[in-house]
Amino acid sequence: MRNFSQVAGSSLASSINGWRGTLVLKAAKPPSPLLLLYDREADAQCRAVREVLTALGLDARIRPCPIGGDRFSHDTEEATEGQRIPLLIDDASGQRIGGAAAIIRHLFETYAEMPVPLIYRAGLLQARWPDLASRARLGRGARARPSRAPLQPLSLWSFESSPFSRLVRERLCELELPYTLHNLGKEHWSELGPASRRLRPGPYEPAPGGKRHEFWLQHGRVQLPYLVDPNHQVGLFESAEIIDYLESRYAL
C-alpha cells in the first residue's frame, strides 16, 4: 500500500508536467566524456534540464545537491551569476553552464543542432511558477539525509517522467549518491504505457539500433528503473527493491 501511494503521487507529478521527459525527440550523438550535471531531483529548474536529456537520449553523470548536503554542493560555488543548480559541465565542448535556460539552449543547439522546441520552452516557463509537481511529491528528493559515500558511482537506467524511476532518483538525491543516468526514453508512440500494458499488443521488441534495443538485447526486456551498483555487483529492477537496497546499504 505504501509503494502504491508513492507511485500514485509520482504519477501525479508527471501529469502536472504534461509527461515531458517521456519520448525521445531526436537521438543525439553522446559527447565524450559524458555530461556532468549538478542536480536536485525536486528542483523545477533541474527537472526541466533532465526532461531535455531524455528528449535527446543523452546520458549524464549526476552529482546530487540536496538542501543541506555537502558532498558535492561545494563544487558549484563558481557557477555563473550565482546560479548553483542546475550546473552543467560539458568537457567535450569546454563549457561550464549555470541555469536551466542556458543549459537547455546549449543541449539543443550543440547536440541536436536545432533551436529549443516550443514544448521545452513551455517547460522552462512552468519551472518559474509555483512548483506543483514537487508539492505533489511532498518535498521528496529535496533534502539531504546522512549516508555512506560509495567508492564508485552507481548507474541508473531511467527516463524522466517514469513514476517508478522518480522514486529511485529521489532516494539517490536524498542520500547524495552519485550515479550515471542512462536515459531510455520511449522511441515510438507504440511504446507508450506501462511495460506490461503498452499500446501495441503482443510481444515487445524495440526498433533495432536504439538504446532501448541495446538494453533489450542485454536483459530480454525493457523495464525501468534498473539500478547497477558496481561496488557490490548488484543489479535490480523493481523500484521498491532498489529503494530498500539503497536504504540498507547506504543510509545511516
C-alpha atoms as a PDB file:
ATOM      1  CA  MET A   1       0.000   0.000   0.000  1.00  0.00           C
ATOM      2  CA  ARG A   2       2.826   2.417   0.846  1.00  0.00           C
ATOM      3  CA  ASN A   3       4.501   1.839  -2.531  1.00  0.00           C
ATOM      4  CA  PHE A   4       1.173   2.238  -4.361  1.00  0.00           C
ATOM      5  CA  SER A   5       0.690   5.611  -2.686  1.00  0.00           C
ATOM      6  CA  GLN A   6       4.207   6.684  -3.649  1.00  0.00           C
ATOM      7  CA  VAL A   7       3.716   5.650  -7.290  1.00  0.00           C
ATOM      8  CA  ALA A   8       0.356   7.449  -7.431  1.00  0.00           C
ATOM      9  CA  GLY A   9       1.948  10.648  -6.140  1.00  0.00           C
ATOM     10  CA  SER A  10       4.801  10.302  -8.612  1.00  0.00           C
ATOM     11  CA  SER A  11       2.326   9.758 -11.469  1.00  0.00           C
ATOM     12  CA  LEU A  12       0.529  12.940 -10.435  1.00  0.00           C
ATOM     13  CA  ALA A  13       3.810  14.853 -10.629  1.00  0.00           C
ATOM     14  CA  SER A  14       4.374  13.559 -14.185  1.00  0.00           C
ATOM     15  CA  SER A  15       0.825  14.540 -15.150  1.00  0.00           C
ATOM     16  CA  ILE A  16       1.326  18.072 -13.817  1.00  0.00           C
ATOM     17  CA  ASN A  17       4.384  18.375 -16.063  1.00  0.00           C
ATOM     18  CA  GLY A  18       2.489  17.138 -19.116  1.00  0.00           C
ATOM     19  CA  TRP A  19       4.579  13.937 -19.220  1.00  0.00           C
ATOM     20  CA  ARG A  20       7.521  15.793 -20.730  1.00  0.00           C
ATOM     21  CA  GLY A  21      10.588  13.606 -20.497  1.00  0.00           C
ATOM     22  CA  THR A  22       8.839  10.533 -21.908  1.00  0.00           C
ATOM     23  CA  LEU A  23       9.607  10.437 -25.636  1.00  0.00           C
ATOM     24  CA  VAL A  24      12.901  10.780 -27.461  1.00  0.00           C
ATOM     25  CA  LEU A  25      12.556  13.781 -29.757  1.00  0.00           C
ATOM     26  CA  LYS A  26      15.900  13.357 -31.509  1.00  0.00           C
ATOM     27  CA  ALA A  27      18.580  10.855 -30.562  1.00  0.00           C
ATOM     28  CA  ALA A  28      21.741  12.918 -30.157  1.00  0.00           C
ATOM     29  CA  LYS A  29      25.289  11.701 -30.524  1.00  0.00           C
ATOM     30  CA  PRO A  30      26.664  11.337 -26.980  1.00  0.00           C
ATOM     31  CA  PRO A  31      29.639  13.506 -26.044  1.00  0.00           C
ATOM     32  CA  SER A  32      32.833  12.060 -24.619  1.00  0.00           C
ATOM     33  CA  PRO A  33      33.357  12.383 -21.739  1.00  0.00           C
ATOM     34  CA  LEU A  34      29.756  12.252 -20.563  1.00  0.00           C
ATOM     35  CA  LEU A  35      27.995  15.398 -19.445  1.00  0.00           C
ATOM     36  CA  LEU A  36      28.226  16.176 -15.726  1.00  0.00           C
ATOM     37  CA  LEU A  37      25.115  17.633 -14.074  1.00  0.00           C
ATOM     38  CA  TYR A  38      24.872  19.034 -10.558  1.00  0.00           C
ATOM     39  CA  ASP A  39      21.240  18.379  -9.814  1.00  0.00           C
ATOM     40  CA  ARG A  40      18.466  18.315  -7.236  1.00  0.00           C
ATOM     41  CA  GLU A  41      15.665  15.908  -8.040  1.00  0.00           C
ATOM     42  CA  ALA A  42      12.904  18.071  -6.551  1.00  0.00           C
ATOM     43  CA  ASP A  43      14.060  21.329  -8.168  1.00  0.00           C
ATOM     44  CA  ALA A  44      11.889  22.556 -11.062  1.00  0.00           C
ATOM     45  CA  GLN A  45      14.805  24.070 -12.997  1.00  0.00           C
ATOM     46  CA  CYS A  46      16.789  20.833 -12.709  1.00  0.00           C
ATOM     47  CA  ARG A  47      13.747  18.857 -13.799  1.00  0.00           C
ATOM     48  CA  ALA A  48      13.459  20.965 -16.970  1.00  0.00           C
ATOM     49  CA  VAL A  49      17.067  20.066 -17.826  1.00  0.00           C
ATOM     50  CA  ARG A  50      16.513  16.355 -17.161  1.00  0.00           C
ATOM     51  CA  GLU A  51      13.440  16.397 -19.417  1.00  0.00           C
ATOM     52  CA  VAL A  52      15.659  17.586 -22.267  1.00  0.00           C
ATOM     53  CA  LEU A  53      18.279  14.930 -21.530  1.00  0.00           C
ATOM     54  CA  THR A  54      15.546  12.320 -22.036  1.00  0.00           C
ATOM     55  CA  ALA A  55      14.278  14.060 -25.190  1.00  0.00           C
ATOM     56  CA  LEU A  56      17.755  13.879 -26.718  1.00  0.00           C
ATOM     57  CA  GLY A  57      18.638  10.446 -25.332  1.00  0.00           C
ATOM     58  CA  LEU A  58      21.690  11.883 -23.588  1.00  0.00           C
ATOM     59  CA  ASP A  59      23.273  10.201 -20.592  1.00  0.00           C
ATOM     60  CA  ALA A  60      24.880  12.201 -17.805  1.00  0.00           C
ATOM     61  CA  ARG A  61      26.908  11.822 -14.660  1.00  0.00           C
ATOM     62  CA  ILE A  62      24.705  13.097 -11.828  1.00  0.00           C
ATOM     63  CA  ARG A  63      26.061  14.765  -8.711  1.00  0.00           C
ATOM     64  CA  PRO A  64      23.112  15.216  -6.322  1.00  0.00           C
ATOM     65  CA  CYS A  65      22.981  18.510  -4.409  1.00  0.00           C
ATOM     66  CA  PRO A  66      20.061  18.257  -1.952  1.00  0.00           C
ATOM     67  CA  ILE A  67      19.341  21.032   0.526  1.00  0.00           C
ATOM     68  CA  GLY A  68      21.658  20.641   3.491  1.00  0.00           C
ATOM     69  CA  GLY A  69      24.029  18.349   1.618  1.00  0.00           C
ATOM     70  CA  ASP A  70      27.756  18.956   1.383  1.00  0.00           C
ATOM     71  CA  ARG A  71      29.126  16.038  -0.636  1.00  0.00           C
ATOM     72  CA  PHE A  72      29.002  17.883  -3.978  1.00  0.00           C
ATOM     73  CA  SER A  73      27.434  21.274  -3.309  1.00  0.00           C
ATOM     74  CA  HIS A  74      30.804  22.976  -2.822  1.00  0.00           C
ATOM     75  CA  ASP A  75      31.691  22.108  -6.437  1.00  0.00           C
ATOM     76  CA  THR A  76      29.014  24.507  -7.703  1.00  0.00           C
ATOM     77  CA  GLU A  77      30.298  27.644  -5.979  1.00  0.00           C
ATOM     78  CA  GLU A  78      31.895  29.038  -9.150  1.00  0.00           C
ATOM     79  CA  ALA A  79      28.744  28.781 -11.264  1.00  0.00           C
ATOM     80  CA  THR A  80      27.952  31.838 -13.329  1.00  0.00           C
ATOM     81  CA  GLU A  81      25.789  34.631 -11.911  1.00  0.00           C
ATOM     82  CA  GLY A  82      25.450  32.901  -8.567  1.00  0.00           C
ATOM     83  CA  GLN A  83      23.445  30.051 -10.070  1.00  0.00           C
ATOM     84  CA  ARG A  84      24.284  26.955  -8.043  1.00  0.00           C
ATOM     85  CA  ILE A  85      21.984  24.373  -9.616  1.00  0.00           C
ATOM     86  CA  PRO A  86      21.384  23.192 -12.189  1.00  0.00           C
ATOM     87  CA  LEU A  87      25.014  23.349 -13.276  1.00  0.00           C
ATOM     88  CA  LEU A  88      26.248  21.519 -16.374  1.00  0.00           C
ATOM     89  CA  ILE A  89      29.886  20.696 -17.057  1.00  0.00           C
ATOM     90  CA  ASP A  90      30.416  19.777 -20.712  1.00  0.00           C
ATOM     91  CA  ASP A  91      34.090  18.925 -21.073  1.00  0.00           C
ATOM     92  CA  ALA A  92      33.608  17.890 -24.701  1.00  0.00           C
ATOM     93  CA  SER A  93      32.782  21.476 -25.661  1.00  0.00           C
ATOM     94  CA  GLY A  94      34.719  23.170 -22.862  1.00  0.00           C
ATOM     95  CA  GLN A  95      31.550  24.692 -21.411  1.00  0.00           C
ATOM     96  CA  ARG A  96      30.503  25.287 -17.801  1.00  0.00           C
ATOM     97  CA  ILE A  97      26.894  26.448 -17.806  1.00  0.00           C
ATOM     98  CA  GLY A  98      24.611  27.512 -14.963  1.00  0.00           C
ATOM     99  CA  GLY A  99      20.833  27.889 -15.138  1.00  0.00           C
ATOM    100  CA  ALA A 100      18.189  25.817 -16.895  1.00  0.00           C
ATOM    101  CA  ALA A 101      17.555  28.159 -19.843  1.00  0.00           C
ATOM    102  CA  ALA A 102      21.222  28.365 -20.847  1.00  0.00           C
ATOM    103  CA  ILE A 103      21.774  24.628 -20.344  1.00  0.00           C
ATOM    104  CA  ILE A 104      18.734  23.649 -22.405  1.00  0.00           C
ATOM    105  CA  ARG A 105      19.706  26.005 -25.223  1.00  0.00           C
ATOM    106  CA  HIS A 106      23.223  24.538 -25.205  1.00  0.00           C
ATOM    107  CA  LEU A 107      21.951  20.946 -25.325  1.00  0.00           C
ATOM    108  CA  PHE A 108      19.609  21.523 -28.263  1.00  0.00           C
ATOM    109  CA  GLU A 109      21.983  23.723 -30.260  1.00  0.00           C
ATOM    110  CA  THR A 110      25.086  21.606 -29.634  1.00  0.00           C
ATOM    111  CA  TYR A 111      23.766  18.040 -29.700  1.00  0.00           C
ATOM    112  CA  ALA A 112      20.522  18.260 -31.696  1.00  0.00           C
ATOM    113  CA  GLU A 113      21.583  21.175 -33.949  1.00  0.00           C
ATOM    114  CA  MET A 114      18.173  22.800 -33.604  1.00  0.00           C
ATOM    115  CA  PRO A 115      16.510  25.607 -31.628  1.00  0.00           C
ATOM    116  CA  VAL A 116      14.673  24.818 -28.410  1.00  0.00           C
ATOM    117  CA  PRO A 117      11.230  23.393 -29.337  1.00  0.00           C
ATOM    118  CA  LEU A 118       8.142  25.150 -28.032  1.00  0.00           C
ATOM    119  CA  ILE A 119       7.183  22.355 -25.635  1.00  0.00           C
ATOM    120  CA  TYR A 120      10.525  22.675 -23.832  1.00  0.00           C
ATOM    121  CA  ARG A 121      10.258  26.449 -23.749  1.00  0.00           C
ATOM    122  CA  ALA A 122       6.931  25.821 -22.011  1.00  0.00           C
ATOM    123  CA  GLY A 123       8.745  23.596 -19.538  1.00  0.00           C
ATOM    124  CA  LEU A 124      11.051  26.485 -18.679  1.00  0.00           C
ATOM    125  CA  LEU A 125       8.092  28.803 -18.133  1.00  0.00           C
ATOM    126  CA  GLN A 126       6.381  26.227 -15.937  1.00  0.00           C
ATOM    127  CA  ALA A 127       9.559  25.876 -13.878  1.00  0.00           C
ATOM    128  CA  ARG A 128       9.191  29.531 -12.862  1.00  0.00           C
ATOM    129  CA  TRP A 129       5.690  29.022 -11.480  1.00  0.00           C
ATOM    130  CA  PRO A 130       4.868  27.571  -8.056  1.00  0.00           C
ATOM    131  CA  ASP A 131       6.299  24.068  -8.301  1.00  0.00           C
ATOM    132  CA  LEU A 132       3.143  21.986  -8.170  1.00  0.00           C
ATOM    133  CA  ALA A 133       4.969  18.816  -9.215  1.00  0.00           C
ATOM    134  CA  SER A 134       7.343  18.998  -6.243  1.00  0.00           C
ATOM    135  CA  ARG A 135       4.445  19.814  -3.950  1.00  0.00           C
ATOM    136  CA  ALA A 136       2.726  16.680  -5.204  1.00  0.00           C
ATOM    137  CA  ARG A 137       5.816  14.781  -4.041  1.00  0.00           C
ATOM    138  CA  LEU A 138       5.697  16.440  -0.590  1.00  0.00           C
ATOM    139  CA  GLY A 139       9.313  17.574  -0.844  1.00  0.00           C
ATOM    140  CA  ARG A 140      10.814  14.156  -1.534  1.00  0.00           C
ATOM    141  CA  GLY A 141      14.155  14.361  -3.287  1.00  0.00           C
ATOM    142  CA  ALA A 142      14.877  17.796  -1.831  1.00  0.00           C
ATOM    143  CA  ARG A 143      16.723  17.467   1.485  1.00  0.00           C
ATOM    144  CA  ALA A 144      19.881  15.572   2.386  1.00  0.00           C
ATOM    145  CA  ARG A 145      19.953  12.589   4.704  1.00  0.00           C
ATOM    146  CA  PRO A 146      23.026  11.026   6.341  1.00  0.00           C
ATOM    147  CA  SER A 147      24.615   8.356   4.168  1.00  0.00           C
ATOM    148  CA  ARG A 148      27.756   6.411   3.328  1.00  0.00           C
ATOM    149  CA  ALA A 149      29.518   7.520   0.157  1.00  0.00           C
ATOM    150  CA  PRO A 150      30.050   4.756  -2.432  1.00  0.00           C
ATOM    151  CA  LEU A 151      33.543   4.178  -3.768  1.00  0.00           C
ATOM    152  CA  GLN A 152      32.244   4.156  -7.351  1.00  0.00           C
ATOM    153  CA  PRO A 153      29.173   5.920  -8.775  1.00  0.00           C
ATOM    154  CA  LEU A 154      26.071   3.800  -9.284  1.00  0.00           C
ATOM    155  CA  SER A 155      24.263   3.508 -12.638  1.00  0.00           C
ATOM    156  CA  LEU A 156      20.538   4.057 -13.201  1.00  0.00           C
ATOM    157  CA  TRP A 157      18.561   3.339 -16.376  1.00  0.00           C
ATOM    158  CA  SER A 158      15.546   5.615 -16.368  1.00  0.00           C
ATOM    159  CA  PHE A 159      13.559   8.247 -18.206  1.00  0.00           C
ATOM    160  CA  GLU A 160      12.468  11.496 -16.627  1.00  0.00           C
ATOM    161  CA  SER A 161       8.692  11.102 -16.462  1.00  0.00           C
ATOM    162  CA  SER A 162       8.717   7.466 -15.285  1.00  0.00           C
ATOM    163  CA  PRO A 163       6.841   7.461 -11.946  1.00  0.00           C
ATOM    164  CA  PHE A 164       8.769   4.412 -10.760  1.00  0.00           C
ATOM    165  CA  SER A 165      12.149   5.818 -11.754  1.00  0.00           C
ATOM    166  CA  ARG A 166      11.427   9.103  -9.996  1.00  0.00           C
ATOM    167  CA  LEU A 167      11.078   7.283  -6.665  1.00  0.00           C
ATOM    168  CA  VAL A 168      14.601   5.905  -7.074  1.00  0.00           C
ATOM    169  CA  ARG A 169      16.080   9.217  -8.218  1.00  0.00           C
ATOM    170  CA  GLU A 170      14.558  10.928  -5.190  1.00  0.00           C
ATOM    171  CA  ARG A 171      16.287   8.499  -2.859  1.00  0.00           C
ATOM    172  CA  LEU A 172      19.612   8.768  -4.695  1.00  0.00           C
ATOM    173  CA  CYS A 173      19.408  12.544  -4.317  1.00  0.00           C
ATOM    174  CA  GLU A 174      18.496  12.500  -0.630  1.00  0.00           C
ATOM    175  CA  LEU A 175      21.390  10.152   0.110  1.00  0.00           C
ATOM    176  CA  GLU A 176      23.789  12.180  -2.103  1.00  0.00           C
ATOM    177  CA  LEU A 177      24.741   9.079  -4.070  1.00  0.00           C
ATOM    178  CA  PRO A 178      26.493   9.910  -7.365  1.00  0.00           C
ATOM    179  CA  TYR A 179      25.323   7.945 -10.361  1.00  0.00           C
ATOM    180  CA  THR A 180      25.408   7.736 -14.127  1.00  0.00           C
ATOM    181  CA  LEU A 181      21.959   8.398 -15.549  1.00  0.00           C
ATOM    182  CA  HIS A 182      21.238   6.326 -18.660  1.00  0.00           C
ATOM    183  CA  ASN A 183      18.184   7.837 -20.344  1.00  0.00           C
ATOM    184  CA  LEU A 184      15.949   5.328 -22.136  1.00  0.00           C
ATOM    185  CA  GLY A 185      13.078   7.490 -23.321  1.00  0.00           C
ATOM    186  CA  LYS A 186      10.351   5.876 -25.387  1.00  0.00           C
ATOM    187  CA  GLU A 187      11.238   5.952 -29.074  1.00  0.00           C
ATOM    188  CA  HIS A 188       7.793   5.456 -30.668  1.00  0.00           C
ATOM    189  CA  TRP A 189       4.139   6.077 -29.784  1.00  0.00           C
ATOM    190  CA  SER A 190       3.521   2.316 -29.676  1.00  0.00           C
ATOM    191  CA  GLU A 191       5.804   2.102 -26.625  1.00  0.00           C
ATOM    192  CA  LEU A 192       3.570   4.378 -24.561  1.00  0.00           C
ATOM    193  CA  GLY A 193       2.040   2.859 -21.454  1.00  0.00           C
ATOM    194  CA  PRO A 194       3.455   0.706 -18.641  1.00  0.00           C
ATOM    195  CA  ALA A 195       5.905  -2.064 -19.533  1.00  0.00           C
ATOM    196  CA  SER A 196       3.214  -4.737 -19.130  1.00  0.00           C
ATOM    197  CA  ARG A 197       0.427  -2.806 -20.947  1.00  0.00           C
ATOM    198  CA  ARG A 198       1.916  -0.966 -23.922  1.00  0.00           C
ATOM    199  CA  LEU A 199      -0.415   0.486 -26.568  1.00  0.00           C
ATOM    200  CA  ARG A 200       0.739  -2.001 -29.196  1.00  0.00           C
ATOM    201  CA  PRO A 201      -0.368  -5.537 -28.220  1.00  0.00           C
ATOM    202  CA  GLY A 202       1.846  -8.580 -28.488  1.00  0.00           C
ATOM    203  CA  PRO A 203       5.495  -9.224 -27.640  1.00  0.00           C
ATOM    204  CA  TYR A 204       7.617  -6.111 -27.378  1.00  0.00           C
ATOM    205  CA  GLU A 205      10.855  -5.649 -29.267  1.00  0.00           C
ATOM    206  CA  PRO A 206      12.310  -2.139 -29.652  1.00  0.00           C
ATOM    207  CA  ALA A 207      13.403  -0.881 -33.046  1.00  0.00           C
ATOM    208  CA  PRO A 208      16.953  -2.049 -33.853  1.00  0.00           C
ATOM    209  CA  GLY A 209      19.755   0.432 -33.420  1.00  0.00           C
ATOM    210  CA  GLY A 210      18.344   2.377 -30.496  1.00  0.00           C
ATOM    211  CA  LYS A 211      19.362   2.444 -26.848  1.00  0.00           C
ATOM    212  CA  ARG A 212      16.227   0.538 -25.864  1.00  0.00           C
ATOM    213  CA  HIS A 213      17.072  -2.241 -28.296  1.00  0.00           C
ATOM    214  CA  GLU A 214      20.572  -2.478 -26.840  1.00  0.00           C
ATOM    215  CA  PHE A 215      19.073  -2.769 -23.336  1.00  0.00           C
ATOM    216  CA  TRP A 216      16.554  -5.368 -24.562  1.00  0.00           C
ATOM    217  CA  LEU A 217      19.329  -7.487 -26.060  1.00  0.00           C
ATOM    218  CA  GLN A 218      21.193  -7.444 -22.743  1.00  0.00           C
ATOM    219  CA  HIS A 219      18.252  -8.090 -20.415  1.00  0.00           C
ATOM    220  CA  GLY A 220      15.495  -9.652 -22.517  1.00  0.00           C
ATOM    221  CA  ARG A 221      13.069  -6.879 -21.539  1.00  0.00           C
ATOM    222  CA  VAL A 222      12.839  -3.122 -21.202  1.00  0.00           C
ATOM    223  CA  GLN A 223      11.682  -2.395 -17.674  1.00  0.00           C
ATOM    224  CA  LEU A 224      12.666   0.710 -15.762  1.00  0.00           C
ATOM    225  CA  PRO A 225      14.129   1.675 -13.403  1.00  0.00           C
ATOM    226  CA  TYR A 226      17.162  -0.580 -13.433  1.00  0.00           C
ATOM    227  CA  LEU A 227      19.988   0.063 -10.981  1.00  0.00           C
ATOM    228  CA  VAL A 228      23.525  -1.308 -11.024  1.00  0.00           C
ATOM    229  CA  ASP A 229      25.831  -0.915  -8.041  1.00  0.00           C
ATOM    230  CA  PRO A 230      29.363  -1.823  -9.180  1.00  0.00           C
ATOM    231  CA  ASN A 231      30.591  -1.615  -5.595  1.00  0.00           C
ATOM    232  CA  HIS A 232      28.672  -4.754  -4.654  1.00  0.00           C
ATOM    233  CA  GLN A 233      27.949  -6.382  -8.045  1.00  0.00           C
ATOM    234  CA  VAL A 234      24.209  -5.793  -7.665  1.00  0.00           C
ATOM    235  CA  GLY A 235      21.620  -5.251 -10.407  1.00  0.00           C
ATOM    236  CA  LEU A 236      17.973  -4.595  -9.521  1.00  0.00           C
ATOM    237  CA  PHE A 237      14.800  -3.817 -11.489  1.00  0.00           C
ATOM    238  CA  GLU A 238      11.883  -3.083  -9.144  1.00  0.00           C
ATOM    239  CA  SER A 239      11.733   0.418  -7.635  1.00  0.00           C
ATOM    240  CA  ALA A 240      10.671  -0.848  -4.204  1.00  0.00           C
ATOM    241  CA  GLU A 241      13.549  -3.347  -4.130  1.00  0.00           C
ATOM    242  CA  ILE A 242      16.018  -0.705  -5.299  1.00  0.00           C
ATOM    243  CA  ILE A 243      14.931   1.727  -2.591  1.00  0.00           C
ATOM    244  CA  ASP A 244      15.130  -0.953   0.098  1.00  0.00           C
ATOM    245  CA  TYR A 245      18.623  -1.805  -1.136  1.00  0.00           C
ATOM    246  CA  LEU A 246      19.790   1.822  -1.062  1.00  0.00           C
ATOM    247  CA  GLU A 247      18.416   2.245   2.446  1.00  0.00           C
ATOM    248  CA  SER A 248      20.068  -0.881   3.792  1.00  0.00           C
ATOM    249  CA  ARG A 249      23.395  -0.339   2.036  1.00  0.00           C
ATOM    250  CA  TYR A 250      23.952   3.432   2.188  1.00  0.00           C
ATOM    251  CA  ALA A 251      21.562   5.200   4.588  1.00  0.00           C
ATOM    252  CA  LEU A 252      22.806   5.920   8.116  1.00  0.00           C
END
